[in-house]
Amino acid sequence: MEITVKLPDDLAEHKNPGREALVVEGYRSGALSHYQASQLLGLSRFAFDGFLKERSIYEHAYSVDDLKQDEETFRKLESKDPARR
């Protein structure tokens, strides 16, 4: 199912609690990625993280497990780079 909401540009440029709630719910449900949600609100990825934190939304926050996985990926990539040997 696809739902399209068209907003006038002047309305879309201003804070809109209804729009914010829709984006947050889309993000929480997994229907929107972090990038998509941030773009819909006109925020950078870091500003969107702050937006979520201000609202105590932590479900998809970067976790210690995420860090460990990223560290493992980094080490694998680093070991494949001949300039780093």
PDB file of N, CA and C in Angstrom:
ATOM      1  N   MET A   1       0.849  -1.171   0.000  1.00  0.00           N
ATOM      2  CA  MET A   1       0.000   0.000   0.000  1.00  0.00           C
ATOM      3  C   MET A   1       0.891   1.229   0.000  1.00  0.00           C
ATOM      4  N   GLU A   2       0.547   2.185  -0.786  1.00  0.00           N
ATOM      5  CA  GLU A   2       1.306   3.430  -0.850  1.00  0.00           C
ATOM      6  C   GLU A   2       0.366   4.583  -0.549  1.00  0.00           C
ATOM      7  N   ILE A   3       0.827   5.466   0.312  1.00  0.00           N
ATOM      8  CA  ILE A   3       0.053   6.661   0.647  1.00  0.00           C
ATOM      9  C   ILE A   3       0.903   7.865   0.293  1.00  0.00           C
ATOM     10  N   THR A   4       0.354   8.751  -0.488  1.00  0.00           N
ATOM     11  CA  THR A   4       1.061   9.960  -0.883  1.00  0.00           C
ATOM     12  C   THR A   4       0.333  11.156  -0.304  1.00  0.00           C
ATOM     13  N   VAL A   5       1.088  12.003   0.358  1.00  0.00           N
ATOM     14  CA  VAL A   5       0.520  13.220   0.923  1.00  0.00           C
ATOM     15  C   VAL A   5       1.219  14.395   0.265  1.00  0.00           C
ATOM     16  N   LYS A   6       0.467  15.249  -0.399  1.00  0.00           N
ATOM     17  CA  LYS A   6       1.037  16.432  -1.037  1.00  0.00           C
ATOM     18  C   LYS A   6       0.750  17.637  -0.152  1.00  0.00           C
ATOM     19  N   LEU A   7       1.815  18.338   0.185  1.00  0.00           N
ATOM     20  CA  LEU A   7       1.695  19.529   1.018  1.00  0.00           C
ATOM     21  C   LEU A   7       2.172  20.739   0.232  1.00  0.00           C
ATOM     22  N   PRO A   8       1.515  21.869   0.409  1.00  0.00           N
ATOM     23  CA  PRO A   8       2.025  23.087  -0.219  1.00  0.00           C
ATOM     24  C   PRO A   8       3.429  23.371   0.304  1.00  0.00           C
ATOM     25  N   ASP A   9       4.284  23.924  -0.547  1.00  0.00           N
ATOM     26  CA  ASP A   9       5.674  24.179  -0.166  1.00  0.00           C
ATOM     27  C   ASP A   9       5.798  24.992   1.112  1.00  0.00           C
ATOM     28  N   ASP A  10       4.963  26.030   1.264  1.00  0.00           N
ATOM     29  CA  ASP A  10       5.080  26.864   2.461  1.00  0.00           C
ATOM     30  C   ASP A  10       4.730  26.086   3.726  1.00  0.00           C
ATOM     31  N   LEU A  11       3.806  25.159   3.637  1.00  0.00           N
ATOM     32  CA  LEU A  11       3.448  24.335   4.782  1.00  0.00           C
ATOM     33  C   LEU A  11       4.533  23.295   5.048  1.00  0.00           C
ATOM     34  N   ALA A  12       5.073  22.728   4.002  1.00  0.00           N
ATOM     35  CA  ALA A  12       6.096  21.694   4.141  1.00  0.00           C
ATOM     36  C   ALA A  12       7.380  22.243   4.748  1.00  0.00           C
ATOM     37  N   GLU A  13       7.636  23.530   4.573  1.00  0.00           N
ATOM     38  CA  GLU A  13       8.868  24.131   5.080  1.00  0.00           C
ATOM     39  C   GLU A  13       8.820  24.429   6.574  1.00  0.00           C
ATOM     40  N   HIS A  14       7.645  24.444   7.159  1.00  0.00           N
ATOM     41  CA  HIS A  14       7.505  24.780   8.575  1.00  0.00           C
ATOM     42  C   HIS A  14       7.326  23.517   9.400  1.00  0.00           C
ATOM     43  N   LYS A  15       7.661  23.638  10.684  1.00  0.00           N
ATOM     44  CA  LYS A  15       7.452  22.509  11.580  1.00  0.00           C
ATOM     45  C   LYS A  15       5.977  22.155  11.588  1.00  0.00           C
ATOM     46  N   ASN A  16       5.728  20.886  11.538  1.00  0.00           N
ATOM     47  CA  ASN A  16       4.363  20.405  11.495  1.00  0.00           C
ATOM     48  C   ASN A  16       4.289  19.161  12.380  1.00  0.00           C
ATOM     49  N   PRO A  17       3.659  19.271  13.549  1.00  0.00           N
ATOM     50  CA  PRO A  17       3.608  18.125  14.463  1.00  0.00           C
ATOM     51  C   PRO A  17       2.982  16.877  13.842  1.00  0.00           C
ATOM     52  N   GLY A  18       1.983  17.070  12.995  1.00  0.00           N
ATOM     53  CA  GLY A  18       1.362  15.919  12.336  1.00  0.00           C
ATOM     54  C   GLY A  18       2.329  15.223  11.402  1.00  0.00           C
ATOM     55  N   ARG A  19       3.042  16.009  10.640  1.00  0.00           N
ATOM     56  CA  ARG A  19       4.046  15.459   9.716  1.00  0.00           C
ATOM     57  C   ARG A  19       5.149  14.760  10.511  1.00  0.00           C
ATOM     58  N   GLU A  20       5.611  15.399  11.576  1.00  0.00           N
ATOM     59  CA  GLU A  20       6.654  14.801  12.407  1.00  0.00           C
ATOM     60  C   GLU A  20       6.186  13.465  12.979  1.00  0.00           C
ATOM     61  N   ALA A  21       4.947  13.414  13.449  1.00  0.00           N
ATOM     62  CA  ALA A  21       4.406  12.175  14.016  1.00  0.00           C
ATOM     63  C   ALA A  21       4.341  11.071  12.963  1.00  0.00           C
ATOM     64  N   LEU A  22       3.934  11.424  11.751  1.00  0.00           N
ATOM     65  CA  LEU A  22       3.880  10.432  10.671  1.00  0.00           C
ATOM     66  C   LEU A  22       5.269   9.904  10.341  1.00  0.00           C
ATOM     67  N   VAL A  23       6.231  10.790  10.276  1.00  0.00           N
ATOM     68  CA  VAL A  23       7.599  10.380   9.960  1.00  0.00           C
ATOM     69  C   VAL A  23       8.160   9.501  11.079  1.00  0.00           C
ATOM     70  N   VAL A  24       7.946   9.894  12.329  1.00  0.00           N
ATOM     71  CA  VAL A  24       8.437   9.100  13.457  1.00  0.00           C
ATOM     72  C   VAL A  24       7.810   7.713  13.430  1.00  0.00           C
ATOM     73  N   GLU A  25       6.526   7.639  13.192  1.00  0.00           N
ATOM     74  CA  GLU A  25       5.862   6.334  13.152  1.00  0.00           C
ATOM     75  C   GLU A  25       6.376   5.498  11.989  1.00  0.00           C
ATOM     76  N   GLY A  26       6.598   6.130  10.851  1.00  0.00           N
ATOM     77  CA  GLY A  26       7.167   5.413   9.712  1.00  0.00           C
ATOM     78  C   GLY A  26       8.555   4.887  10.022  1.00  0.00           C
ATOM     79  N   TYR A  27       9.336   5.670  10.726  1.00  0.00           N
ATOM     80  CA  TYR A  27      10.687   5.262  11.115  1.00  0.00           C
ATOM     81  C   TYR A  27      10.633   4.136  12.144  1.00  0.00           C
ATOM     82  N   ARG A  28       9.775   4.290  13.150  1.00  0.00           N
ATOM     83  CA  ARG A  28       9.650   3.264  14.192  1.00  0.00           C
ATOM     84  C   ARG A  28       9.223   1.920  13.617  1.00  0.00           C
ATOM     85  N   SER A  29       8.305   1.965  12.652  1.00  0.00           N
ATOM     86  CA  SER A  29       7.777   0.724  12.074  1.00  0.00           C
ATOM     87  C   SER A  29       8.731   0.088  11.076  1.00  0.00           C
ATOM     88  N   GLY A  30       9.742   0.845  10.659  1.00  0.00           N
ATOM     89  CA  GLY A  30      10.675   0.329   9.670  1.00  0.00           C
ATOM     90  C   GLY A  30      10.272   0.641   8.239  1.00  0.00           C
ATOM     91  N   ALA A  31       9.147   1.327   8.070  1.00  0.00           N
ATOM     92  CA  ALA A  31       8.698   1.695   6.723  1.00  0.00           C
ATOM     93  C   ALA A  31       9.604   2.760   6.116  1.00  0.00           C
ATOM     94  N   LEU A  32      10.225   3.573   6.972  1.00  0.00           N
ATOM     95  CA  LEU A  32      11.157   4.610   6.517  1.00  0.00           C
ATOM     96  C   LEU A  32      12.536   4.337   7.098  1.00  0.00           C
ATOM     97  N   SER A  33      13.541   4.496   6.282  1.00  0.00           N
ATOM     98  CA  SER A  33      14.913   4.382   6.780  1.00  0.00           C
ATOM     99  C   SER A  33      15.274   5.667   7.524  1.00  0.00           C
ATOM    100  N   HIS A  34      16.380   5.626   8.209  1.00  0.00           N
ATOM    101  CA  HIS A  34      16.884   6.816   8.903  1.00  0.00           C
ATOM    102  C   HIS A  34      17.063   7.951   7.902  1.00  0.00           C
ATOM    103  N   TYR A  35      17.664   7.634   6.761  1.00  0.00           N
ATOM    104  CA  TYR A  35      17.900   8.649   5.726  1.00  0.00           C
ATOM    105  C   TYR A  35      16.581   9.224   5.210  1.00  0.00           C
ATOM    106  N   GLN A  36      15.632   8.347   4.886  1.00  0.00           N
ATOM    107  CA  GLN A  36      14.350   8.815   4.358  1.00  0.00           C
ATOM    108  C   GLN A  36      13.639   9.718   5.361  1.00  0.00           C
ATOM    109  N   ALA A  37      13.616   9.298   6.613  1.00  0.00           N
ATOM    110  CA  ALA A  37      12.940  10.090   7.643  1.00  0.00           C
ATOM    111  C   ALA A  37      13.610  11.449   7.813  1.00  0.00           C
ATOM    112  N   SER A  38      14.935  11.455   7.823  1.00  0.00           N
ATOM    113  CA  SER A  38      15.633  12.734   7.994  1.00  0.00           C
ATOM    114  C   SER A  38      15.358  13.661   6.817  1.00  0.00           C
ATOM    115  N   GLN A  39      15.315  13.112   5.612  1.00  0.00           N
ATOM    116  CA  GLN A  39      15.050  13.927   4.428  1.00  0.00           C
ATOM    117  C   GLN A  39      13.631  14.489   4.445  1.00  0.00           C
ATOM    118  N   LEU A  40      12.679  13.685   4.867  1.00  0.00           N
ATOM    119  CA  LEU A  40      11.291  14.155   4.926  1.00  0.00           C
ATOM    120  C   LEU A  40      11.118  15.312   5.905  1.00  0.00           C
ATOM    121  N   LEU A  41      11.957  15.332   6.928  1.00  0.00           N
ATOM    122  CA  LEU A  41      11.887  16.423   7.901  1.00  0.00           C
ATOM    123  C   LEU A  41      12.874  17.542   7.588  1.00  0.00           C
ATOM    124  N   GLY A  42      13.642  17.373   6.527  1.00  0.00           N
ATOM    125  CA  GLY A  42      14.600  18.407   6.137  1.00  0.00           C
ATOM    126  C   GLY A  42      15.757  18.538   7.111  1.00  0.00           C
ATOM    127  N   LEU A  43      16.164  17.422   7.703  1.00  0.00           N
ATOM    128  CA  LEU A  43      17.229  17.422   8.704  1.00  0.00           C
ATOM    129  C   LEU A  43      18.422  16.607   8.223  1.00  0.00           C
ATOM    130  N   SER A  44      19.606  16.971   8.706  1.00  0.00           N
ATOM    131  CA  SER A  44      20.773  16.125   8.464  1.00  0.00           C
ATOM    132  C   SER A  44      20.607  14.862   9.305  1.00  0.00           C
ATOM    133  N   ARG A  45      21.443  13.863   9.042  1.00  0.00           N
ATOM    134  CA  ARG A  45      21.314  12.629   9.826  1.00  0.00           C
ATOM    135  C   ARG A  45      21.608  12.880  11.300  1.00  0.00           C
ATOM    136  N   PHE A  46      22.537  13.800  11.583  1.00  0.00           N
ATOM    137  CA  PHE A  46      22.863  14.104  12.977  1.00  0.00           C
ATOM    138  C   PHE A  46      21.738  14.901  13.639  1.00  0.00           C
ATOM    139  N   ALA A  47      21.152  15.823  12.899  1.00  0.00           N
ATOM    140  CA  ALA A  47      20.025  16.594  13.435  1.00  0.00           C
ATOM    141  C   ALA A  47      18.830  15.678  13.680  1.00  0.00           C
ATOM    142  N   PHE A  48      18.640  14.696  12.795  1.00  0.00           N
ATOM    143  CA  PHE A  48      17.540  13.747  12.987  1.00  0.00           C
ATOM    144  C   PHE A  48      17.779  12.908  14.240  1.00  0.00           C
ATOM    145  N   ASP A  49      19.025  12.513  14.487  1.00  0.00           N
ATOM    146  CA  ASP A  49      19.336  11.796  15.728  1.00  0.00           C
ATOM    147  C   ASP A  49      18.970  12.652  16.939  1.00  0.00           C
ATOM    148  N   GLY A  50      19.294  13.949  16.883  1.00  0.00           N
ATOM    149  CA  GLY A  50      18.927  14.863  17.964  1.00  0.00           C
ATOM    150  C   GLY A  50      17.426  14.994  18.114  1.00  0.00           C
ATOM    151  N   PHE A  51      16.733  15.065  16.983  1.00  0.00           N
ATOM    152  CA  PHE A  51      15.270  15.132  16.961  1.00  0.00           C
ATOM    153  C   PHE A  51      14.687  13.919  17.686  1.00  0.00           C
ATOM    154  N   LEU A  52      15.215  12.727  17.394  1.00  0.00           N
ATOM    155  CA  LEU A  52      14.728  11.508  18.045  1.00  0.00           C
ATOM    156  C   LEU A  52      15.045  11.525  19.537  1.00  0.00           C
ATOM    157  N   LYS A  53      16.252  11.949  19.877  1.00  0.00           N
ATOM    158  CA  LYS A  53      16.662  11.985  21.284  1.00  0.00           C
ATOM    159  C   LYS A  53      15.780  12.933  22.089  1.00  0.00           C
ATOM    160  N   GLU A  54      15.453  14.099  21.510  1.00  0.00           N
ATOM    161  CA  GLU A  54      14.583  15.065  22.194  1.00  0.00           C
ATOM    162  C   GLU A  54      13.225  14.462  22.520  1.00  0.00           C
ATOM    163  N   ARG A  55      12.817  13.473  21.746  1.00  0.00           N
ATOM    164  CA  ARG A  55      11.515  12.838  21.928  1.00  0.00           C
ATOM    165  C   ARG A  55      11.630  11.472  22.611  1.00  0.00           C
ATOM    166  N   SER A  56      12.812  11.186  23.136  1.00  0.00           N
ATOM    167  CA  SER A  56      13.084   9.923  23.846  1.00  0.00           C
ATOM    168  C   SER A  56      12.770   8.701  22.991  1.00  0.00           C
ATOM    169  N   ILE A  57      13.150   8.766  21.722  1.00  0.00           N
ATOM    170  CA  ILE A  57      12.942   7.650  20.800  1.00  0.00           C
ATOM    171  C   ILE A  57      14.300   6.989  20.602  1.00  0.00           C
ATOM    172  N   TYR A  58      14.440   5.795  21.174  1.00  0.00           N
ATOM    173  CA  TYR A  58      15.737   5.122  21.160  1.00  0.00           C
ATOM    174  C   TYR A  58      15.699   3.743  20.500  1.00  0.00           C
ATOM    175  N   GLU A  59      14.563   3.328  19.945  1.00  0.00           N
ATOM    176  CA  GLU A  59      14.441   1.974  19.404  1.00  0.00           C
ATOM    177  C   GLU A  59      15.516   1.634  18.385  1.00  0.00           C
ATOM    178  N   HIS A  60      15.852   2.595  17.547  1.00  0.00           N
ATOM    179  CA  HIS A  60      16.811   2.336  16.476  1.00  0.00           C
ATOM    180  C   HIS A  60      18.138   3.056  16.714  1.00  0.00           C
ATOM    181  N   ALA A  61      18.410   3.360  17.951  1.00  0.00           N
ATOM    182  CA  ALA A  61      19.650   4.071  18.266  1.00  0.00           C
ATOM    183  C   ALA A  61      20.853   3.164  18.001  1.00  0.00           C
ATOM    184  N   TYR A  62      21.962   3.766  17.692  1.00  0.00           N
ATOM    185  CA  TYR A  62      23.216   3.047  17.445  1.00  0.00           C
ATOM    186  C   TYR A  62      23.638   2.379  18.743  1.00  0.00           C
ATOM    187  N   SER A  63      23.755   1.072  18.718  1.00  0.00           N
ATOM    188  CA  SER A  63      24.034   0.315  19.941  1.00  0.00           C
ATOM    189  C   SER A  63      25.494  -0.137  20.008  1.00  0.00           C
ATOM    190  N   VAL A  64      25.846  -0.714  21.139  1.00  0.00           N
ATOM    191  CA  VAL A  64      27.183  -1.276  21.309  1.00  0.00           C
ATOM    192  C   VAL A  64      27.390  -2.407  20.301  1.00  0.00           C
ATOM    193  N   ASP A  65      26.351  -3.200  20.064  1.00  0.00           N
ATOM    194  CA  ASP A  65      26.452  -4.273  19.069  1.00  0.00           C
ATOM    195  C   ASP A  65      26.710  -3.709  17.677  1.00  0.00           C
ATOM    196  N   ASP A  66      26.057  -2.591  17.349  1.00  0.00           N
ATOM    197  CA  ASP A  66      26.311  -1.931  16.063  1.00  0.00           C
ATOM    198  C   ASP A  66      27.776  -1.513  15.965  1.00  0.00           C
ATOM    199  N   LEU A  67      28.292  -0.956  17.050  1.00  0.00           N
ATOM    200  CA  LEU A  67      29.690  -0.525  17.077  1.00  0.00           C
ATOM    201  C   LEU A  67      30.629  -1.710  16.869  1.00  0.00           C
ATOM    202  N   LYS A  68      30.357  -2.817  17.547  1.00  0.00           N
ATOM    203  CA  LYS A  68      31.198  -4.009  17.405  1.00  0.00           C
ATOM    204  C   LYS A  68      31.167  -4.534  15.968  1.00  0.00           C
ATOM    205  N   GLN A  69      29.985  -4.531  15.374  1.00  0.00           N
ATOM    206  CA  GLN A  69      29.865  -4.993  13.993  1.00  0.00           C
ATOM    207  C   GLN A  69      30.627  -4.058  13.046  1.00  0.00           C
ATOM    208  N   ASP A  70      30.499  -2.760  13.258  1.00  0.00           N
ATOM    209  CA  ASP A  70      31.228  -1.796  12.425  1.00  0.00           C
ATOM    210  C   ASP A  70      32.738  -1.947  12.603  1.00  0.00           C
ATOM    211  N   GLU A  71      33.156  -2.192  13.824  1.00  0.00           N
ATOM    212  CA  GLU A  71      34.584  -2.378  14.092  1.00  0.00           C
ATOM    213  C   GLU A  71      35.105  -3.619  13.362  1.00  0.00           C
ATOM    214  N   GLU A  72      34.328  -4.696  13.398  1.00  0.00           N
ATOM    215  CA  GLU A  72      34.719  -5.922  12.702  1.00  0.00           C
ATOM    216  C   GLU A  72      34.807  -5.686  11.192  1.00  0.00           C
ATOM    217  N   THR A  73      33.835  -4.994  10.646  1.00  0.00           N
ATOM    218  CA  THR A  73      33.845  -4.671   9.216  1.00  0.00           C
ATOM    219  C   THR A  73      35.058  -3.820   8.872  1.00  0.00           C
ATOM    220  N   PHE A  74      35.347  -2.830   9.698  1.00  0.00           N
ATOM    221  CA  PHE A  74      36.506  -1.966   9.474  1.00  0.00           C
ATOM    222  C   PHE A  74      37.795  -2.781   9.450  1.00  0.00           C
ATOM    223  N   ARG A  75      37.943  -3.688  10.400  1.00  0.00           N
ATOM    224  CA  ARG A  75      39.163  -4.506  10.467  1.00  0.00           C
ATOM    225  C   ARG A  75      39.309  -5.388   9.224  1.00  0.00           C
ATOM    226  N   LYS A  76      38.191  -5.939   8.754  1.00  0.00           N
ATOM    227  CA  LYS A  76      38.236  -6.765   7.541  1.00  0.00           C
ATOM    228  C   LYS A  76      38.657  -5.931   6.339  1.00  0.00           C
ATOM    229  N   LEU A  77      38.074  -4.757   6.219  1.00  0.00           N
ATOM    230  CA  LEU A  77      38.414  -3.890   5.090  1.00  0.00           C
ATOM    231  C   LEU A  77      39.857  -3.405   5.185  1.00  0.00           C
ATOM    232  N   GLU A  78      40.273  -3.084   6.390  1.00  0.00           N
ATOM    233  CA  GLU A  78      41.637  -2.606   6.602  1.00  0.00           C
ATOM    234  C   GLU A  78      42.659  -3.685   6.240  1.00  0.00           C
ATOM    235  N   SER A  79      42.355  -4.929   6.552  1.00  0.00           N
ATOM    236  CA  SER A  79      43.291  -6.021   6.255  1.00  0.00           C
ATOM    237  C   SER A  79      43.394  -6.291   4.756  1.00  0.00           C
ATOM    238  N   LYS A  80      42.398  -5.882   3.992  1.00  0.00           N
ATOM    239  CA  LYS A  80      42.417  -6.065   2.539  1.00  0.00           C
ATOM    240  C   LYS A  80      43.147  -4.944   1.816  1.00  0.00           C
ATOM    241  N   ASP A  81      43.457  -3.878   2.521  1.00  0.00           N
ATOM    242  CA  ASP A  81      44.130  -2.721   1.921  1.00  0.00           C
ATOM    243  C   ASP A  81      45.642  -2.926   1.994  1.00  0.00           C
ATOM    244  N   PRO A  82      46.297  -3.175   0.837  1.00  0.00           N
ATOM    245  CA  PRO A  82      47.738  -3.439   0.856  1.00  0.00           C
ATOM    246  C   PRO A  82      48.564  -2.264   1.378  1.00  0.00           C
ATOM    247  N   ALA A  83      48.073  -1.063   1.290  1.00  0.00           N
ATOM    248  CA  ALA A  83      48.811   0.109   1.772  1.00  0.00           C
ATOM    249  C   ALA A  83      48.910   0.119   3.294  1.00  0.00           C
ATOM    250  N   ARG A  84      48.063  -0.627   3.958  1.00  0.00           N
ATOM    251  CA  ARG A  84      48.041  -0.630   5.430  1.00  0.00           C
ATOM    252  C   ARG A  84      48.843  -1.785   6.018  1.00  0.00           C
ATOM    253  N   ARG A  85      49.445  -2.596   5.194  1.00  0.00           N
ATOM    254  CA  ARG A  85      50.185  -3.761   5.714  1.00  0.00           C
ATOM    255  C   ARG A  85      51.592  -3.425   6.061  1.00  0.00           C
TER     256      ARG A  85
END
